[in-house]
N, C-alpha and C. Protein backbone atom coordinates (compact mmCIF):
# COMPACT_ATOMS: atom_id res chain seq x y z
N MET A 1 15.86 2.07 -0.48
CA MET A 1 14.18 2.12 -1.70
C MET A 1 14.12 1.53 -0.90
N THR A 2 12.83 0.36 0.28
CA THR A 2 12.62 -0.30 0.31
C THR A 2 11.64 -0.98 0.38
N MET A 3 10.35 -2.02 0.51
CA MET A 3 9.03 -2.11 0.56
C MET A 3 9.65 -3.42 1.20
N ILE A 4 8.92 -3.36 2.50
CA ILE A 4 8.93 -4.40 3.97
C ILE A 4 6.98 -4.89 4.17
N GLN A 5 7.43 -6.58 3.98
CA GLN A 5 6.11 -7.16 3.56
C GLN A 5 5.99 -7.52 5.16
N GLN A 6 5.64 -6.33 6.24
CA GLN A 6 4.00 -6.97 7.61
C GLN A 6 3.90 -7.08 7.66
N SER A 7 3.11 -8.28 7.57
CA SER A 7 2.12 -9.74 6.51
C SER A 7 1.74 -9.97 5.69
N GLU A 8 0.89 -10.86 5.45
CA GLU A 8 0.37 -10.96 4.46
C GLU A 8 -0.44 -10.51 4.20
N THR A 9 -1.34 -9.46 4.50
CA THR A 9 -2.53 -8.45 3.91
C THR A 9 -0.87 -6.65 4.77
N MET A 10 -0.37 -6.79 4.43
CA MET A 10 0.15 -5.43 4.49
C MET A 10 0.93 -5.30 4.58
N LEU A 11 1.91 -4.82 3.76
CA LEU A 11 3.92 -3.93 2.89
C LEU A 11 3.66 -2.41 3.41
N GLU A 12 4.65 -2.09 3.61
CA GLU A 12 5.23 -0.80 3.58
C GLU A 12 6.16 -0.17 2.94
N VAL A 13 6.54 0.48 2.21
CA VAL A 13 6.65 1.37 1.29
C VAL A 13 7.76 2.64 1.21
N ASP A 14 9.25 2.76 1.51
CA ASP A 14 10.04 3.62 1.96
C ASP A 14 11.06 4.45 0.42
N GLY A 15 10.86 4.95 0.58
CA GLY A 15 12.44 6.07 -0.33
C GLY A 15 12.05 6.88 -0.71
N ASP A 16 13.72 7.59 -1.85
CA ASP A 16 13.69 8.95 -1.83
C ASP A 16 13.55 9.43 -3.14
N ASP A 17 13.38 8.58 -4.37
CA ASP A 17 12.89 8.34 -5.66
C ASP A 17 11.67 8.39 -5.53
N ALA A 18 11.31 9.50 -6.52
CA ALA A 18 9.80 9.04 -6.78
C ALA A 18 9.55 8.07 -8.06
N LEU A 19 9.70 8.32 -8.95
CA LEU A 19 9.80 7.14 -10.04
C LEU A 19 10.38 5.60 -9.52
N VAL A 20 11.03 5.14 -8.20
CA VAL A 20 11.50 3.74 -7.84
C VAL A 20 10.02 3.79 -7.36
N ILE A 21 9.27 4.49 -5.79
CA ILE A 21 8.44 4.83 -5.33
C ILE A 21 7.70 3.80 -6.11
N GLN A 22 6.99 4.99 -6.94
CA GLN A 22 6.67 4.67 -8.01
C GLN A 22 6.11 2.96 -8.30
N THR A 23 6.58 2.50 -8.32
CA THR A 23 7.64 1.22 -9.48
C THR A 23 7.47 -0.27 -8.25
N GLU A 24 8.04 0.47 -7.01
CA GLU A 24 7.44 -0.55 -6.07
C GLU A 24 5.91 0.19 -4.97
N LEU A 25 5.63 0.87 -5.01
CA LEU A 25 3.64 0.77 -5.09
C LEU A 25 3.14 -0.66 -5.32
N ASP A 26 3.41 -0.14 -7.35
CA ASP A 26 2.81 -0.84 -8.49
C ASP A 26 2.97 -2.59 -7.53
N ALA A 27 4.11 -3.10 -7.39
CA ALA A 27 4.14 -4.08 -7.00
C ALA A 27 3.57 -4.85 -5.08
N ALA A 28 3.35 -3.99 -4.97
CA ALA A 28 2.93 -3.62 -3.55
C ALA A 28 1.52 -3.94 -3.41
N VAL A 29 1.03 -3.24 -4.76
CA VAL A 29 -0.60 -3.48 -4.83
C VAL A 29 -1.37 -4.72 -5.55
N ALA A 30 0.22 -4.86 -6.87
CA ALA A 30 -0.48 -6.33 -7.53
C ALA A 30 -0.28 -7.40 -6.30
N LEU A 31 0.82 -7.22 -5.73
CA LEU A 31 0.84 -8.19 -4.29
C LEU A 31 -0.65 -8.41 -3.61
N ALA A 32 -0.73 -6.91 -2.89
CA ALA A 32 -1.72 -6.80 -2.30
C ALA A 32 -3.43 -7.26 -2.49
N SER A 33 -2.88 -7.44 -4.58
CA SER A 33 -5.08 -7.18 -4.92
C SER A 33 -4.24 -9.30 -5.17
N SER A 34 -3.57 -9.88 -5.36
CA SER A 34 -3.55 -11.13 -5.42
C SER A 34 -4.13 -11.50 -4.05
N ALA A 35 -3.57 -11.55 -2.29
CA ALA A 35 -4.19 -11.63 -1.83
C ALA A 35 -5.59 -10.73 -0.96
N CYS A 36 -6.05 -9.65 -2.29
CA CYS A 36 -7.32 -9.31 -1.79
C CYS A 36 -8.40 -11.01 -2.52
N ARG A 37 -7.76 -11.58 -3.65
CA ARG A 37 -8.16 -12.82 -4.02
C ARG A 37 -8.36 -13.73 -2.97
N SER A 38 -8.34 -14.38 -1.48
CA SER A 38 -8.27 -15.40 -1.60
C SER A 38 -9.00 -14.53 0.16
N ARG A 39 -8.91 -13.22 0.64
CA ARG A 39 -9.03 -13.10 1.82
C ARG A 39 -10.29 -11.72 1.32
N GLY A 40 -11.06 -11.50 0.21
CA GLY A 40 -11.95 -10.44 -0.31
C GLY A 40 -11.33 -9.26 0.31
N GLY A 41 -12.36 -8.08 0.28
CA GLY A 41 -11.86 -6.80 0.15
C GLY A 41 -11.21 -6.71 -1.16
N GLY A 42 -10.68 -5.53 -0.68
CA GLY A 42 -9.90 -4.91 -2.31
C GLY A 42 -8.97 -4.51 -1.78
N VAL A 43 -7.88 -2.84 -2.35
CA VAL A 43 -6.81 -2.92 -1.21
C VAL A 43 -7.28 -1.45 -0.97
N LEU A 44 -5.79 -1.31 0.12
CA LEU A 44 -6.11 0.61 1.06
C LEU A 44 -4.38 0.74 0.19
N VAL A 45 -4.17 2.07 0.22
CA VAL A 45 -3.56 2.72 -0.53
C VAL A 45 -2.97 3.32 0.55
N THR A 46 -1.93 4.38 1.40
CA THR A 46 -2.18 5.10 2.47
C THR A 46 -1.07 6.07 2.60
N GLN A 47 -1.10 7.33 2.06
CA GLN A 47 0.32 8.21 2.83
C GLN A 47 1.03 8.71 3.67
N HIS A 48 0.96 8.57 3.92
CA HIS A 48 1.86 9.13 5.83
C HIS A 48 2.89 9.61 4.98
N ASP A 49 3.73 10.88 4.13
CA ASP A 49 4.01 11.41 4.12
C ASP A 49 4.96 11.39 2.83
N TYR A 50 5.63 11.85 2.43
CA TYR A 50 6.29 12.07 0.74
C TYR A 50 6.67 11.11 0.42
N TRP A 51 7.37 10.13 1.08
CA TRP A 51 7.90 8.96 0.61
C TRP A 51 7.74 7.75 1.25
N SER A 52 6.45 7.74 2.51
CA SER A 52 6.25 5.86 2.62
C SER A 52 4.67 6.31 3.32
N PHE A 53 4.75 5.05 2.55
CA PHE A 53 3.01 4.61 1.99
C PHE A 53 3.30 3.15 3.10
N THR A 54 1.62 2.49 3.30
CA THR A 54 1.48 1.00 3.18
C THR A 54 0.38 0.97 2.55
N ILE A 55 0.47 -0.21 2.15
CA ILE A 55 -0.41 -1.26 1.11
C ILE A 55 -0.92 -1.96 2.57
N SER A 56 -2.37 -2.39 2.27
CA SER A 56 -2.78 -2.66 3.06
C SER A 56 -4.29 -3.69 2.33
N VAL A 57 -4.63 -4.40 2.44
CA VAL A 57 -6.09 -5.53 2.00
C VAL A 57 -6.72 -5.29 3.40
N SER A 58 -7.62 -5.15 2.72
CA SER A 58 -9.33 -4.02 3.76
C SER A 58 -10.92 -4.58 2.85
N PRO A 59 -11.01 -5.15 4.18
CA PRO A 59 -12.74 -5.94 3.71
C PRO A 59 -14.16 -4.52 3.67
N ASP A 60 -13.01 -3.41 3.74
CA ASP A 60 -14.37 -2.65 4.06
C ASP A 60 -14.20 -1.37 2.39
N ILE A 61 -13.13 -2.24 1.42
CA ILE A 61 -13.44 -1.62 0.16
C ILE A 61 -13.77 -2.49 -0.81
N PRO A 62 -14.28 -2.22 -1.59
CA PRO A 62 -15.52 -3.29 -2.73
C PRO A 62 -14.33 -4.33 -3.39
N ALA A 63 -14.19 -5.58 -2.87
CA ALA A 63 -12.81 -6.43 -3.87
C ALA A 63 -13.10 -5.68 -5.29
N GLY A 64 -11.88 -5.82 -6.33
CA GLY A 64 -11.40 -5.75 -7.42
C GLY A 64 -10.88 -3.83 -7.38
N HIS A 65 -11.59 -2.87 -5.79
CA HIS A 65 -11.39 -1.54 -5.98
C HIS A 65 -9.62 -1.09 -5.71
N THR A 66 -9.15 -0.34 -5.70
CA THR A 66 -7.67 0.39 -4.63
C THR A 66 -8.23 1.64 -4.72
N VAL A 67 -8.17 2.47 -3.39
CA VAL A 67 -8.67 3.62 -2.18
C VAL A 67 -6.73 4.08 -2.47
N ARG A 68 -7.03 4.89 -2.59
CA ARG A 68 -6.36 5.85 -1.92
C ARG A 68 -6.30 6.80 -1.41
N ARG A 69 -5.33 7.43 -0.26
CA ARG A 69 -5.24 7.88 0.72
C ARG A 69 -4.81 8.69 1.47
N GLN A 70 -3.86 9.73 2.30
CA GLN A 70 -3.24 10.25 3.01
C GLN A 70 -3.72 10.18 4.68
N ALA A 71 -2.68 9.96 5.37
CA ALA A 71 -3.08 9.62 6.84
C ALA A 71 -1.17 10.79 7.35
N TRP A 72 -1.21 11.97 7.04
CA TRP A 72 0.35 12.10 7.93
C TRP A 72 0.79 12.03 8.61
N ARG A 73 1.42 11.67 9.21
CA ARG A 73 2.22 11.99 9.90
C ARG A 73 2.45 12.74 10.51
N ALA A 74 2.72 13.50 12.36
CA ALA A 74 2.31 14.52 12.90
C ALA A 74 4.51 14.64 13.12
N ALA A 75 4.79 16.17 12.52
CA ALA A 75 5.93 16.26 12.00
C ALA A 75 6.89 16.59 14.04
N CYS A 76 7.71 15.78 13.63
CA CYS A 76 7.93 16.43 15.13
C CYS A 76 8.94 17.95 15.55
């Protein structure tokens, strides 16, 4: 399980245990929400596969909101 901060406005969460992933996602959303207060916008959580997510601050999402979407990566 890993949570990696890519920048001030983007984090990655990867893992193989659903409960741990949810805990890390909650922490990442909280960090992104804090960044939203100073930058504006909302939080975008993107699921790339069953175990991989990015969390980012998005100016396209209203302040105070969190949007989840799926953008599955192509299987090799």
